[in-house]
Structure formats: structure tokens, C-alpha cells
PDB file of N, CA and C in Angstrom:
ATOM      1  N   MET A   1     109.143  76.732 149.626  1.00  0.00           N
ATOM      2  CA  MET A   1     109.719  75.610 149.406  1.00  0.00           C
ATOM      3  C   MET A   1     109.131  74.524 150.450  1.00  0.00           C
ATOM      4  N   GLU A   2     108.914  75.101 151.580  1.00  0.00           N
ATOM      5  CA  GLU A   2     108.417  74.140 152.584  1.00  0.00           C
ATOM      6  C   GLU A   2     107.054  73.372 152.512  1.00  0.00           C
ATOM      7  N   LYS A   3     106.159  74.239 151.768  1.00  0.00           N
ATOM      8  CA  LYS A   3     104.886  73.685 151.608  1.00  0.00           C
ATOM      9  C   LYS A   3     104.933  72.469 150.474  1.00  0.00           C
ATOM     10  N   GLU A   4     106.060  72.722 149.480  1.00  0.00           N
ATOM     11  CA  GLU A   4     106.413  71.689 148.581  1.00  0.00           C
ATOM     12  C   GLU A   4     106.719  70.435 148.968  1.00  0.00           C
ATOM     13  N   ARG A   5     107.652  70.624 150.007  1.00  0.00           N
ATOM     14  CA  ARG A   5     108.304  69.476 150.719  1.00  0.00           C
ATOM     15  C   ARG A   5     107.137  68.771 151.628  1.00  0.00           C
ATOM     16  N   LEU A   6     106.459  69.542 152.289  1.00  0.00           N
ATOM     17  CA  LEU A   6     105.309  68.776 153.057  1.00  0.00           C
ATOM     18  C   LEU A   6     104.062  68.131 151.874  1.00  0.00           C
ATOM     19  N   PHE A   7     103.915  68.681 150.884  1.00  0.00           N
ATOM     20  CA  PHE A   7     102.827  68.072 149.920  1.00  0.00           C
ATOM     21  C   PHE A   7     103.776  66.750 149.576  1.00  0.00           C
ATOM     22  N   PHE A   8     104.991  66.901 149.207  1.00  0.00           N
ATOM     23  CA  PHE A   8     105.600  65.622 148.581  1.00  0.00           C
ATOM     24  C   PHE A   8     105.854  64.505 149.668  1.00  0.00           C
ATOM     25  N   GLN A   9     105.880  65.066 150.785  1.00  0.00           N
ATOM     26  CA  GLN A   9     105.891  63.968 152.034  1.00  0.00           C
ATOM     27  C   GLN A   9     104.415  63.224 152.078  1.00  0.00           C
ATOM     28  N   ILE A  10     103.595  63.863 152.101  1.00  0.00           N
ATOM     29  CA  ILE A  10     102.328  63.596 152.199  1.00  0.00           C
ATOM     30  C   ILE A  10     101.766  62.458 151.073  1.00  0.00           C
ATOM     31  N   TYR A  11     102.231  63.088 149.777  1.00  0.00           N
ATOM     32  CA  TYR A  11     102.244  62.116 148.565  1.00  0.00           C
ATOM     33  C   TYR A  11     102.885  60.759 148.798  1.00  0.00           C
ATOM     34  N   GLN A  12     104.090  60.723 149.179  1.00  0.00           N
ATOM     35  CA  GLN A  12     104.940  59.557 149.230  1.00  0.00           C
ATOM     36  C   GLN A  12     104.192  58.722 150.473  1.00  0.00           C
ATOM     37  N   SER A  13     103.651  59.447 151.490  1.00  0.00           N
ATOM     38  CA  SER A  13     103.235  58.517 152.543  1.00  0.00           C
ATOM     39  C   SER A  13     101.784  57.853 151.840  1.00  0.00           C
ATOM     40  N   LEU A  14     101.145  58.420 151.103  1.00  0.00           N
ATOM     41  CA  LEU A  14      99.866  58.038 150.568  1.00  0.00           C
ATOM     42  C   LEU A  14     100.340  56.986 149.394  1.00  0.00           C
ATOM     43  N   GLU A  15     101.231  57.067 148.898  1.00  0.00           N
ATOM     44  CA  GLU A  15     101.870  56.071 147.868  1.00  0.00           C
ATOM     45  C   GLU A  15     102.243  54.789 148.438  1.00  0.00           C
ATOM     46  N   LYS A  16     102.843  55.043 149.600  1.00  0.00           N
ATOM     47  CA  LYS A  16     103.099  53.841 150.283  1.00  0.00           C
ATOM     48  C   LYS A  16     102.170  53.193 150.659  1.00  0.00           C
ATOM     49  N   GLU A  17     101.240  53.796 151.395  1.00  0.00           N
ATOM     50  CA  GLU A  17      99.828  52.930 151.941  1.00  0.00           C
ATOM     51  C   GLU A  17      99.228  52.498 150.685  1.00  0.00           C
ATOM     52  N   LEU A  18      98.937  53.157 149.621  1.00  0.00           N
ATOM     53  CA  LEU A  18      98.387  52.557 148.375  1.00  0.00           C
ATOM     54  C   LEU A  18      99.075  50.975 148.083  1.00  0.00           C
ATOM     55  N   LEU A  19     100.414  51.155 147.987  1.00  0.00           N
ATOM     56  CA  LEU A  19     100.842  50.022 147.427  1.00  0.00           C
ATOM     57  C   LEU A  19     101.058  48.899 148.654  1.00  0.00           C
ATOM     58  N   ASP A  20     101.038  49.261 150.010  1.00  0.00           N
ATOM     59  CA  ASP A  20     100.691  48.179 151.109  1.00  0.00           C
ATOM     60  C   ASP A  20      99.390  47.548 150.768  1.00  0.00           C
ATOM     61  N   MET A  21      98.492  48.364 150.476  1.00  0.00           N
ATOM     62  CA  MET A  21      97.130  47.789 150.297  1.00  0.00           C
ATOM     63  C   MET A  21      97.063  46.627 149.284  1.00  0.00           C
ATOM     64  N   THR A  22      97.934  46.903 148.333  1.00  0.00           N
ATOM     65  CA  THR A  22      98.066  45.759 147.022  1.00  0.00           C
ATOM     66  C   THR A  22      98.473  44.472 147.704  1.00  0.00           C
ATOM     67  N   ASP A  23      98.783  44.421 148.844  1.00  0.00           N
ATOM     68  CA  ASP A  23      99.387  43.089 149.323  1.00  0.00           C
ATOM     69  C   ASP A  23      97.740  42.275 150.044  1.00  0.00           C
ATOM     70  N   TYR A  24      96.887  43.092 150.050  1.00  0.00           N
ATOM     71  CA  TYR A  24      95.827  42.472 150.475  1.00  0.00           C
ATOM     72  C   TYR A  24      94.472  42.627 149.626  1.00  0.00           C
ATOM     73  N   ILE A  25      94.722  43.426 148.522  1.00  0.00           N
ATOM     74  CA  ILE A  25      93.645  43.749 147.452  1.00  0.00           C
ATOM     75  C   ILE A  25      94.197  43.691 146.113  1.00  0.00           C
ATOM     76  N   HIS A  26      94.039  43.045 145.415  1.00  0.00           N
ATOM     77  CA  HIS A  26      94.508  43.028 144.063  1.00  0.00           C
ATOM     78  C   HIS A  26      93.788  44.005 143.067  1.00  0.00           C
ATOM     79  N   PHE A  27      94.315  44.864 142.518  1.00  0.00           N
ATOM     80  CA  PHE A  27      93.785  46.025 141.927  1.00  0.00           C
ATOM     81  C   PHE A  27      93.311  45.305 140.339  1.00  0.00           C
ATOM     82  N   SER A  28      91.953  44.969 140.210  1.00  0.00           N
ATOM     83  CA  SER A  28      91.538  44.495 139.237  1.00  0.00           C
ATOM     84  C   SER A  28      90.180  44.742 138.993  1.00  0.00           C
ATOM     85  N   GLU A  29      89.532  44.488 137.550  1.00  0.00           N
ATOM     86  CA  GLU A  29      88.069  45.006 137.610  1.00  0.00           C
ATOM     87  C   GLU A  29      87.187  43.958 138.230  1.00  0.00           C
ATOM     88  N   ARG A  30      87.601  42.837 138.739  1.00  0.00           N
ATOM     89  CA  ARG A  30      86.703  41.872 139.579  1.00  0.00           C
ATOM     90  C   ARG A  30      86.646  42.201 140.992  1.00  0.00           C
ATOM     91  N   ASN A  31      87.362  43.321 141.309  1.00  0.00           N
ATOM     92  CA  ASN A  31      87.548  43.678 142.878  1.00  0.00           C
ATOM     93  C   ASN A  31      86.861  45.068 142.785  1.00  0.00           C
ATOM     94  N   LEU A  32      86.206  45.789 141.902  1.00  0.00           N
ATOM     95  CA  LEU A  32      85.752  47.218 141.937  1.00  0.00           C
ATOM     96  C   LEU A  32      84.697  47.337 142.981  1.00  0.00           C
ATOM     97  N   ASN A  33      84.140  46.251 143.495  1.00  0.00           N
ATOM     98  CA  ASN A  33      83.265  46.301 144.358  1.00  0.00           C
ATOM     99  C   ASN A  33      83.849  46.136 145.721  1.00  0.00           C
ATOM    100  N   VAL A  34      84.850  45.882 146.150  1.00  0.00           N
ATOM    101  CA  VAL A  34      85.548  45.797 147.071  1.00  0.00           C
ATOM    102  C   VAL A  34      85.268  46.812 148.208  1.00  0.00           C
ATOM    103  N   TYR A  35      84.964  46.824 149.244  1.00  0.00           N
ATOM    104  CA  TYR A  35      84.886  47.950 150.515  1.00  0.00           C
ATOM    105  C   TYR A  35      85.319  47.441 151.551  1.00  0.00           C
ATOM    106  N   SER A  36      86.002  48.493 152.056  1.00  0.00           N
ATOM    107  CA  SER A  36      86.757  48.746 153.473  1.00  0.00           C
ATOM    108  C   SER A  36      86.826  50.021 154.188  1.00  0.00           C
ATOM    109  N   VAL A  37      86.684  49.887 155.286  1.00  0.00           N
ATOM    110  CA  VAL A  37      86.916  51.084 156.099  1.00  0.00           C
ATOM    111  C   VAL A  37      88.045  51.866 155.771  1.00  0.00           C
ATOM    112  N   LYS A  38      89.206  51.292 155.665  1.00  0.00           N
ATOM    113  CA  LYS A  38      90.483  51.528 155.580  1.00  0.00           C
ATOM    114  C   LYS A  38      90.785  52.284 154.080  1.00  0.00           C
ATOM    115  N   LEU A  39      90.064  51.370 153.124  1.00  0.00           N
ATOM    116  CA  LEU A  39      90.168  51.924 151.497  1.00  0.00           C
ATOM    117  C   LEU A  39      89.254  53.201 151.373  1.00  0.00           C
ATOM    118  N   ALA A  40      88.117  53.357 152.174  1.00  0.00           N
ATOM    119  CA  ALA A  40      87.456  54.505 152.135  1.00  0.00           C
ATOM    120  C   ALA A  40      88.345  55.912 153.069  1.00  0.00           C
ATOM    121  N   ASN A  41      88.545  55.219 153.880  1.00  0.00           N
ATOM    122  CA  ASN A  41      89.370  56.353 154.549  1.00  0.00           C
ATOM    123  C   ASN A  41      90.565  56.829 153.642  1.00  0.00           C
ATOM    124  N   PHE A  42      91.414  56.053 153.163  1.00  0.00           N
ATOM    125  CA  PHE A  42      92.312  56.207 151.961  1.00  0.00           C
ATOM    126  C   PHE A  42      91.776  57.205 150.860  1.00  0.00           C
ATOM    127  N   ILE A  43      90.672  56.786 150.354  1.00  0.00           N
ATOM    128  CA  ILE A  43      90.245  57.725 149.333  1.00  0.00           C
ATOM    129  C   ILE A  43      89.907  59.419 149.925  1.00  0.00           C
ATOM    130  N   LEU A  44      89.468  59.290 150.823  1.00  0.00           N
ATOM    131  CA  LEU A  44      89.016  60.636 151.593  1.00  0.00           C
ATOM    132  C   LEU A  44      90.214  61.116 151.845  1.00  0.00           C
ATOM    133  N   ARG A  45      91.194  60.693 152.567  1.00  0.00           N
ATOM    134  CA  ARG A  45      92.503  61.440 152.865  1.00  0.00           C
ATOM    135  C   ARG A  45      92.997  61.941 151.466  1.00  0.00           C
ATOM    136  N   ALA A  46      93.100  61.113 150.261  1.00  0.00           N
ATOM    137  CA  ALA A  46      93.934  61.603 149.202  1.00  0.00           C
ATOM    138  C   ALA A  46      92.959  62.663 148.341  1.00  0.00           C
ATOM    139  N   ASN A  47      91.500  62.752 148.701  1.00  0.00           N
ATOM    140  CA  ASN A  47      90.801  63.558 148.064  1.00  0.00           C
ATOM    141  C   ASN A  47      91.047  64.908 148.596  1.00  0.00           C
ATOM    142  N   VAL A  48      91.179  64.995 150.127  1.00  0.00           N
ATOM    143  CA  VAL A  48      91.503  66.189 150.843  1.00  0.00           C
ATOM    144  C   VAL A  48      92.793  66.667 150.294  1.00  0.00           C
ATOM    145  N   GLU A  49      93.773  65.882 150.516  1.00  0.00           N
ATOM    146  CA  GLU A  49      95.373  66.405 150.045  1.00  0.00           C
ATOM    147  C   GLU A  49      95.226  66.862 148.434  1.00  0.00           C
ATOM    148  N   THR A  50      94.768  66.198 147.711  1.00  0.00           N
ATOM    149  CA  THR A  50      94.553  66.742 146.602  1.00  0.00           C
ATOM    150  C   THR A  50      93.948  68.214 146.177  1.00  0.00           C
ATOM    151  N   GLY A  51      92.735  68.354 147.108  1.00  0.00           N
ATOM    152  CA  GLY A  51      91.949  69.775 147.207  1.00  0.00           C
ATOM    153  C   GLY A  51      93.183  70.888 147.716  1.00  0.00           C
ATOM    154  N   SER A  52      93.895  70.382 148.742  1.00  0.00           N
ATOM    155  CA  SER A  52      94.798  71.397 149.454  1.00  0.00           C
ATOM    156  C   SER A  52      95.729  71.976 148.349  1.00  0.00           C
ATOM    157  N   LEU A  53      96.378  70.718 147.377  1.00  0.00           N
ATOM    158  CA  LEU A  53      97.566  70.918 146.588  1.00  0.00           C
ATOM    159  C   LEU A  53      96.910  72.078 145.441  1.00  0.00           C
ATOM    160  N   LEU A  54      95.521  71.451 145.014  1.00  0.00           N
ATOM    161  CA  LEU A  54      94.897  72.505 144.001  1.00  0.00           C
ATOM    162  C   LEU A  54      94.700  73.936 144.558  1.00  0.00           C
ATOM    163  N   LYS A  55      94.293  74.028 145.657  1.00  0.00           N
ATOM    164  CA  LYS A  55      94.274  75.441 146.063  1.00  0.00           C
ATOM    165  C   LYS A  55      95.397  76.147 146.199  1.00  0.00           C
ATOM    166  N   GLU A  56      96.607  75.534 146.842  1.00  0.00           N
ATOM    167  CA  GLU A  56      97.775  76.093 146.663  1.00  0.00           C
ATOM    168  C   GLU A  56      98.388  76.400 145.277  1.00  0.00           C
ATOM    169  N   LEU A  57      98.202  75.550 144.376  1.00  0.00           N
ATOM    170  CA  LEU A  57      98.312  76.013 142.882  1.00  0.00           C
ATOM    171  C   LEU A  57      97.682  76.827 142.404  1.00  0.00           C
ATOM    172  N   LEU A  58      96.377  77.062 142.740  1.00  0.00           N
ATOM    173  CA  LEU A  58      95.515  78.215 142.134  1.00  0.00           C
ATOM    174  C   LEU A  58      96.177  79.632 142.597  1.00  0.00           C
ATOM    175  N   LYS A  59      96.508  79.381 143.856  1.00  0.00           N
ATOM    176  CA  LYS A  59      97.136  80.896 144.630  1.00  0.00           C
ATOM    177  C   LYS A  59      98.294  81.309 143.991  1.00  0.00           C
ATOM    178  N   ARG A  60      99.090  80.208 143.167  1.00  0.00           N
ATOM    179  CA  ARG A  60     100.142  80.924 142.350  1.00  0.00           C
ATOM    180  C   ARG A  60      99.882  81.249 140.901  1.00  0.00           C
ATOM    181  N   THR A  61      98.559  81.296 140.731  1.00  0.00           N
ATOM    182  CA  THR A  61      98.417  81.794 139.104  1.00  0.00           C
ATOM    183  C   THR A  61      97.903  83.177 138.958  1.00  0.00           C
ATOM    184  N   ASP A  62      97.969  83.752 137.796  1.00  0.00           N
ATOM    185  CA  ASP A  62      97.620  85.050 137.492  1.00  0.00           C
ATOM    186  C   ASP A  62      96.327  85.418 138.015  1.00  0.00           C
ATOM    187  N   TYR A  63      95.337  84.306 137.532  1.00  0.00           N
ATOM    188  CA  TYR A  63      94.005  84.695 138.021  1.00  0.00           C
ATOM    189  C   TYR A  63      93.763  84.872 139.350  1.00  0.00           C
ATOM    190  N   TYR A  64      94.295  84.153 140.238  1.00  0.00           N
ATOM    191  CA  TYR A  64      94.121  84.413 141.681  1.00  0.00           C
ATOM    192  C   TYR A  64      94.734  85.624 142.250  1.00  0.00           C
ATOM    193  N   ASN A  65      96.073  86.327 141.467  1.00  0.00           N
ATOM    194  CA  ASN A  65      96.486  87.513 141.845  1.00  0.00           C
ATOM    195  C   ASN A  65      95.715  88.526 141.496  1.00  0.00           C
ATOM    196  N   GLY A  66      94.947  88.394 140.379  1.00  0.00           N
ATOM    197  CA  GLY A  66      94.089  89.522 139.761  1.00  0.00           C
ATOM    198  C   GLY A  66      92.959  89.641 140.556  1.00  0.00           C
ATOM    199  N   LEU A  67      92.595  88.593 141.454  1.00  0.00           N
ATOM    200  CA  LEU A  67      91.248  89.035 142.153  1.00  0.00           C
ATOM    201  C   LEU A  67      91.330  90.311 142.860  1.00  0.00           C
ATOM    202  N   SER A  68      90.115  91.135 142.763  1.00  0.00           N
ATOM    203  CA  SER A  68      90.456  92.574 143.422  1.00  0.00           C
ATOM    204  C   SER A  68      90.124  92.658 144.901  1.00  0.00           C
ATOM    205  N   SER A  69      89.599  91.666 145.566  1.00  0.00           N
ATOM    206  CA  SER A  69      89.288  91.615 146.914  1.00  0.00           C
ATOM    207  C   SER A  69      89.762  90.372 147.818  1.00  0.00           C
ATOM    208  N   ASP A  70      90.014  90.475 148.964  1.00  0.00           N
ATOM    209  CA  ASP A  70      90.140  89.391 149.921  1.00  0.00           C
ATOM    210  C   ASP A  70      88.933  88.429 149.871  1.00  0.00           C
ATOM    211  N   LYS A  71      87.770  89.138 149.940  1.00  0.00           N
ATOM    212  CA  LYS A  71      86.382  88.413 149.983  1.00  0.00           C
ATOM    213  C   LYS A  71      86.342  87.517 148.984  1.00  0.00           C
ATOM    214  N   GLU A  72      86.510  87.974 147.649  1.00  0.00           N
ATOM    215  CA  GLU A  72      86.607  87.011 146.406  1.00  0.00           C
ATOM    216  C   GLU A  72      87.637  85.994 146.466  1.00  0.00           C
ATOM    217  N   LYS A  73      88.706  86.200 147.139  1.00  0.00           N
ATOM    218  CA  LYS A  73      89.592  85.212 147.413  1.00  0.00           C
ATOM    219  C   LYS A  73      89.410  84.028 148.220  1.00  0.00           C
ATOM    220  N   THR A  74      88.608  84.200 149.364  1.00  0.00           N
ATOM    221  CA  THR A  74      88.267  83.358 150.212  1.00  0.00           C
ATOM    222  C   THR A  74      87.024  82.681 149.921  1.00  0.00           C
ATOM    223  N   LYS A  75      86.350  82.996 148.767  1.00  0.00           N
ATOM    224  CA  LYS A  75      85.323  82.174 148.190  1.00  0.00           C
ATOM    225  C   LYS A  75      86.034  80.783 147.528  1.00  0.00           C
ATOM    226  N   LEU A  76      87.297  80.964 146.939  1.00  0.00           N
ATOM    227  CA  LEU A  76      87.820  79.948 146.479  1.00  0.00           C
ATOM    228  C   LEU A  76      88.198  78.834 147.365  1.00  0.00           C
TER     229      LEU A  76
END
């Protein structure tokens, strides 16, 4: 349960940051080429958190539990 709370807090933090960015960048097709270090950093952090969450969800599947060795599990 603790991990779920942590993932949700991180999600809420990322969501708030994204909404704060809308004060400066209007999300529209005209601005698809907009670049900033802050935006790039946000995208990278969101991807890292998504990867962590997906790995945690995979660990709860029958597929992961059915792997025969720790060596196979560490490859994921």
C-alpha cells in the first residue's frame, strides 16, 4: 500500500507541475515546436515514473510470478 501512495503523490506532483506550465505555454498545435529545459526535464521525469510504475505493475502479474529464476526477473 505504501508504494501506491508514493506513486500517487508523484503523479499529483507531476500533474500540478504540468498545470502550472499552462500559465506559460498554451497547449495547442501551434506550440508543438516549443522547447525549454524545464519542459524537457518534465517529460523525462514523467517517463521515468511511468517506467517505474509499469515495472511495479508487472511484478503483480501471473507472468512475472511464473518466471523460473531471479536471473530472468532481473532482465525485466
